[in-house]
């Protein structure tokens, strides 16, 4: 299983906490893969960082490992004690392709047709999508010139519940986490919007990325708020 956590701290404490959290996360039992990510402003994928907010994407050996982390880790304790706002969601991986750091961190975690506790199965309810890419330095200008139209399509996309742009390294290593009402809504944006289709074609033709990954999940068990609300419908 996987999880995604979005944390906002008062002031600029986020940068300091990210540095402190890395050695703790490296030593966390049952944490198979993780990335701390800076985030963009609001729900935009374009240039501009929100220095008060960061995200954690994590892959766990099982639900028990996540529960131990939430109950015992000083990282999680800080979320409750010092964060101005936090939102957390559990994720059942349904599909992924590509690589992150040379491997697919979800390769052993896919659960086709899974029904997570308290959630609908794939196609029957909300879908979470994670995309990430390492952009080749010589393609950075082309990428950022083209991303504004895609960003507008994403934010206006029918069925989009929430989205955030993120990155593990400024400019060149970028990710997007988005929530959709259902599989159809996510697919409409991915395959039927003109700007997104055009960028995908250029990515392939001009080899913009040195590495990329695309994954879909069934989200469940959300907790907290994201910009003042829980974007997932239902009891969470």
Protein backbone atom coordinates (compact mmCIF):
# COMPACT_ATOMS: atom_id res chain seq x y z
CA UNK A 1 0.00 0.00 0.00
CA UNK A 2 0.97 3.65 -0.31
CA UNK A 3 0.10 6.96 1.30
CA UNK A 4 0.25 10.66 0.48
CA UNK A 5 0.57 13.42 3.08
CA UNK A 6 0.27 17.16 2.51
CA UNK A 7 1.54 19.35 5.36
CA UNK A 8 1.48 23.12 5.85
CA UNK A 9 3.58 24.73 8.59
CA UNK A 10 3.42 28.29 9.89
CA UNK A 11 6.14 30.63 8.70
CA UNK A 12 8.97 28.91 6.84
CA UNK A 13 9.46 26.01 9.23
CA UNK A 14 8.74 23.51 6.46
CA UNK A 15 12.27 23.69 5.00
CA UNK A 16 13.86 23.05 8.38
CA UNK A 17 11.55 20.15 9.16
CA UNK A 18 12.20 18.54 5.78
CA UNK A 19 15.91 18.42 6.60
CA UNK A 20 15.26 16.93 10.05
CA UNK A 21 12.78 14.37 8.73
CA UNK A 22 15.05 12.71 6.17
CA UNK A 23 17.24 10.68 8.58
CA UNK A 24 14.16 9.65 10.57
CA UNK A 25 12.40 8.41 7.44
CA UNK A 26 15.51 6.51 6.33
CA UNK A 27 15.36 4.53 9.56
CA UNK A 28 11.60 3.88 9.58
CA UNK A 29 10.77 0.18 9.61
CA UNK A 30 8.34 -1.04 6.96
CA UNK A 31 8.83 2.04 4.78
CA UNK A 32 9.80 0.57 1.42
CA UNK A 33 10.04 3.82 -0.55
CA UNK A 34 9.54 7.51 0.19
CA UNK A 35 10.06 10.94 -1.27
CA UNK A 36 9.77 14.30 0.46
CA UNK A 37 8.44 16.84 -2.02
CA UNK A 38 8.29 20.60 -2.07
CA UNK A 39 5.02 21.94 -3.49
CA UNK A 40 3.89 24.67 -5.84
CA UNK A 41 1.55 27.47 -4.91
CA UNK A 42 -2.13 26.57 -4.75
CA UNK A 43 -3.11 23.84 -7.20
CA UNK A 44 -0.76 25.00 -9.96
CA UNK A 45 1.95 22.96 -11.70
CA UNK A 46 3.73 26.04 -13.03
CA UNK A 47 6.85 27.73 -11.61
CA UNK A 48 6.58 29.06 -8.08
CA UNK A 49 7.08 27.33 -4.74
CA UNK A 50 5.03 27.37 -1.56
CA UNK A 51 7.78 27.35 1.09
CA UNK A 52 5.29 26.65 3.88
CA UNK A 53 3.92 23.39 2.44
CA UNK A 54 5.49 20.05 1.63
CA UNK A 55 4.34 16.55 0.78
CA UNK A 56 5.39 13.00 1.53
CA UNK A 57 4.70 10.10 -0.83
CA UNK A 58 5.38 6.74 0.80
CA UNK A 59 5.10 3.04 -0.03
CA UNK A 60 4.67 0.70 2.93
CA UNK A 61 5.17 -3.01 3.48
CA UNK A 62 1.59 -3.10 4.73
CA UNK A 63 -1.07 -1.17 6.61
CA UNK A 64 0.47 -2.15 9.95
CA UNK A 65 3.72 -0.42 9.01
CA UNK A 66 1.86 2.82 8.28
CA UNK A 67 -0.09 2.52 11.54
CA UNK A 68 3.16 2.14 13.52
CA UNK A 69 4.62 5.19 11.80
CA UNK A 70 1.56 7.32 12.55
CA UNK A 71 1.50 6.18 16.18
CA UNK A 72 5.20 6.34 17.02
CA UNK A 73 7.24 8.45 14.60
CA UNK A 74 8.37 11.93 15.67
CA UNK A 75 7.70 13.00 12.07
CA UNK A 76 4.02 12.11 12.37
CA UNK A 77 3.83 13.59 15.89
CA UNK A 78 4.99 16.94 14.49
CA UNK A 79 2.18 16.86 11.92
CA UNK A 80 -0.40 16.89 14.70
CA UNK A 81 1.46 19.22 17.07
CA UNK A 82 2.96 21.91 14.84
CA UNK A 83 1.34 21.81 11.42
CA UNK A 84 -1.00 24.62 10.49
CA UNK A 85 -2.91 22.20 8.24
CA UNK A 86 -2.44 18.59 7.18
CA UNK A 87 -4.18 16.09 4.92
CA UNK A 88 -3.43 12.37 4.69
CA UNK A 89 -4.77 9.63 2.45
CA UNK A 90 -4.15 5.90 2.09
CA UNK A 91 -3.73 4.53 -1.41
CA UNK A 92 -4.24 1.12 -2.98
CA UNK A 93 -2.01 0.95 -6.10
CA UNK A 94 -3.98 -0.18 -9.12
CA UNK A 95 -1.48 0.40 -11.93
CA UNK A 96 1.87 2.01 -12.57
CA UNK A 97 4.42 2.26 -15.31
CA UNK A 98 7.87 3.75 -15.55
CA UNK A 99 10.43 4.27 -12.81
CA UNK A 100 11.36 6.52 -9.92
CA UNK A 101 15.02 6.42 -8.97
CA UNK A 102 15.66 3.56 -11.33
CA UNK A 103 12.79 1.28 -10.27
CA UNK A 104 9.04 1.05 -10.01
CA UNK A 105 8.42 1.38 -6.25
CA UNK A 106 4.90 -0.01 -6.71
CA UNK A 107 5.82 -3.10 -8.74
CA UNK A 108 5.12 -5.48 -5.86
CA UNK A 109 2.17 -3.54 -4.48
CA UNK A 110 -0.38 -3.58 -7.32
CA UNK A 111 -3.78 -4.92 -6.30
CA UNK A 112 -5.88 -5.27 -9.48
CA UNK A 113 -9.61 -4.92 -8.84
CA UNK A 114 -8.87 -4.31 -5.16
CA UNK A 115 -11.43 -2.93 -2.77
CA UNK A 116 -9.75 -0.98 -0.03
CA UNK A 117 -11.37 -0.81 3.36
CA UNK A 118 -14.28 1.58 3.13
CA UNK A 119 -13.60 2.42 -0.53
CA UNK A 120 -15.05 1.67 -3.92
CA UNK A 121 -13.18 -0.46 -6.40
CA UNK A 122 -11.40 1.01 -9.42
CA UNK A 123 -13.88 2.65 -11.76
CA UNK A 124 -16.56 2.94 -9.08
CA UNK A 125 -15.35 5.94 -7.11
CA UNK A 126 -12.54 8.45 -6.62
CA UNK A 127 -9.19 7.90 -8.30
CA UNK A 128 -5.80 9.33 -7.33
CA UNK A 129 -3.13 9.90 -9.98
CA UNK A 130 0.57 10.45 -9.39
CA UNK A 131 2.87 11.51 -12.21
CA UNK A 132 6.55 12.36 -11.91
CA UNK A 133 9.41 13.02 -14.27
CA UNK A 134 13.09 13.88 -14.37
CA UNK A 135 13.32 16.52 -17.10
CA UNK A 136 16.45 16.60 -19.23
CA UNK A 137 18.28 19.93 -18.62
CA UNK A 138 18.22 20.88 -22.29
CA UNK A 139 14.43 20.36 -22.36
CA UNK A 140 13.56 22.47 -19.31
CA UNK A 141 12.71 25.61 -21.29
CA UNK A 142 10.41 23.71 -23.67
CA UNK A 143 8.71 21.95 -20.75
CA UNK A 144 7.91 25.12 -18.83
CA UNK A 145 6.81 27.01 -21.93
CA UNK A 146 4.23 24.31 -22.66
CA UNK A 147 3.01 23.51 -19.15
CA UNK A 148 0.80 26.58 -18.62
CA UNK A 149 -1.92 25.35 -21.02
CA UNK A 150 -1.84 21.88 -19.47
CA UNK A 151 -2.10 23.44 -16.02
CA UNK A 152 -5.22 25.38 -17.05
CA UNK A 153 -6.79 22.23 -18.50
CA UNK A 154 -6.05 20.34 -15.30
CA UNK A 155 -7.59 22.96 -13.00
CA UNK A 156 -10.69 23.29 -15.20
CA UNK A 157 -11.02 19.55 -15.77
CA UNK A 158 -14.54 18.19 -15.12
CA UNK A 159 -14.43 15.78 -12.22
CA UNK A 160 -11.17 17.05 -10.72
CA UNK A 161 -11.42 17.10 -6.92
CA UNK A 162 -7.98 18.53 -6.09
CA UNK A 163 -4.43 18.68 -7.42
CA UNK A 164 -1.00 19.84 -6.38
CA UNK A 165 2.28 20.28 -8.22
CA UNK A 166 5.33 19.01 -6.36
CA UNK A 167 9.01 18.33 -6.85
CA UNK A 168 11.95 16.65 -5.15
CA UNK A 169 14.47 18.96 -6.83
CA UNK A 170 13.80 22.49 -8.12
CA UNK A 171 12.70 22.69 -11.75
CA UNK A 172 14.06 19.39 -13.07
CA UNK A 173 12.34 16.70 -10.97
CA UNK A 174 8.64 17.35 -10.97
CA UNK A 175 5.52 15.50 -9.83
CA UNK A 176 1.76 16.02 -9.76
CA UNK A 177 -0.74 14.43 -7.39
CA UNK A 178 -4.39 14.75 -8.37
CA UNK A 179 -7.77 13.42 -7.21
CA UNK A 180 -10.68 12.71 -9.55
CA UNK A 181 -14.32 11.78 -9.10
CA UNK A 182 -13.81 8.53 -11.00
CA UNK A 183 -11.70 6.75 -13.60
CA UNK A 184 -13.57 8.35 -16.49
CA UNK A 185 -12.79 11.87 -15.25
CA UNK A 186 -9.08 11.06 -14.89
CA UNK A 187 -8.97 9.46 -18.33
CA UNK A 188 -10.75 12.39 -19.99
CA UNK A 189 -8.03 14.74 -18.83
CA UNK A 190 -5.18 12.36 -19.66
CA UNK A 191 -6.29 11.37 -23.15
CA UNK A 192 -8.89 13.83 -24.45
CA UNK A 193 -7.65 17.33 -23.62
CA UNK A 194 -5.80 19.01 -26.47
CA UNK A 195 -2.93 20.66 -24.57
CA UNK A 196 -2.16 17.54 -22.55
CA UNK A 197 -2.22 15.29 -25.60
CA UNK A 198 0.06 17.70 -27.42
CA UNK A 199 2.61 17.81 -24.59
CA UNK A 200 2.60 14.01 -24.27
CA UNK A 201 3.32 13.73 -28.00
CA UNK A 202 6.24 16.17 -27.71
CA UNK A 203 7.59 14.36 -24.65
CA UNK A 204 7.82 11.16 -26.67
CA UNK A 205 9.04 12.74 -29.90
CA UNK A 206 11.65 15.05 -28.36
CA UNK A 207 12.62 12.87 -25.39
CA UNK A 208 12.05 15.50 -22.71
CA UNK A 209 12.33 13.09 -19.78
CA UNK A 210 15.28 11.07 -18.56
CA UNK A 211 12.89 9.10 -16.33
CA UNK A 212 9.15 9.12 -15.67
CA UNK A 213 6.47 7.28 -13.74
CA UNK A 214 2.66 7.28 -13.89
CA UNK A 215 0.51 5.58 -11.25
CA UNK A 216 -3.17 5.30 -10.36
CA UNK A 217 -4.63 4.44 -6.98
CA UNK A 218 -7.87 3.88 -5.11
CA UNK A 219 -7.77 6.51 -2.31
CA UNK A 220 -9.38 5.76 1.05
CA UNK A 221 -9.20 6.65 4.73
CA UNK A 222 -8.50 10.35 4.21
CA UNK A 223 -7.96 12.52 7.27
CA UNK A 224 -7.55 16.25 7.83
CA UNK A 225 -8.02 19.11 5.38
CA UNK A 226 -6.46 20.35 2.15
CA UNK A 227 -7.03 24.09 1.71
CA UNK A 228 -9.74 24.00 4.36
CA UNK A 229 -11.59 20.85 3.32
CA UNK A 230 -11.27 17.15 2.66
CA UNK A 231 -11.51 16.90 -1.15
CA UNK A 232 -12.64 13.28 -1.08
CA UNK A 233 -16.42 12.81 -0.95
CA UNK A 234 -18.09 10.72 1.68
CA UNK A 235 -17.02 9.91 5.23
CA UNK A 236 -13.29 9.60 4.32
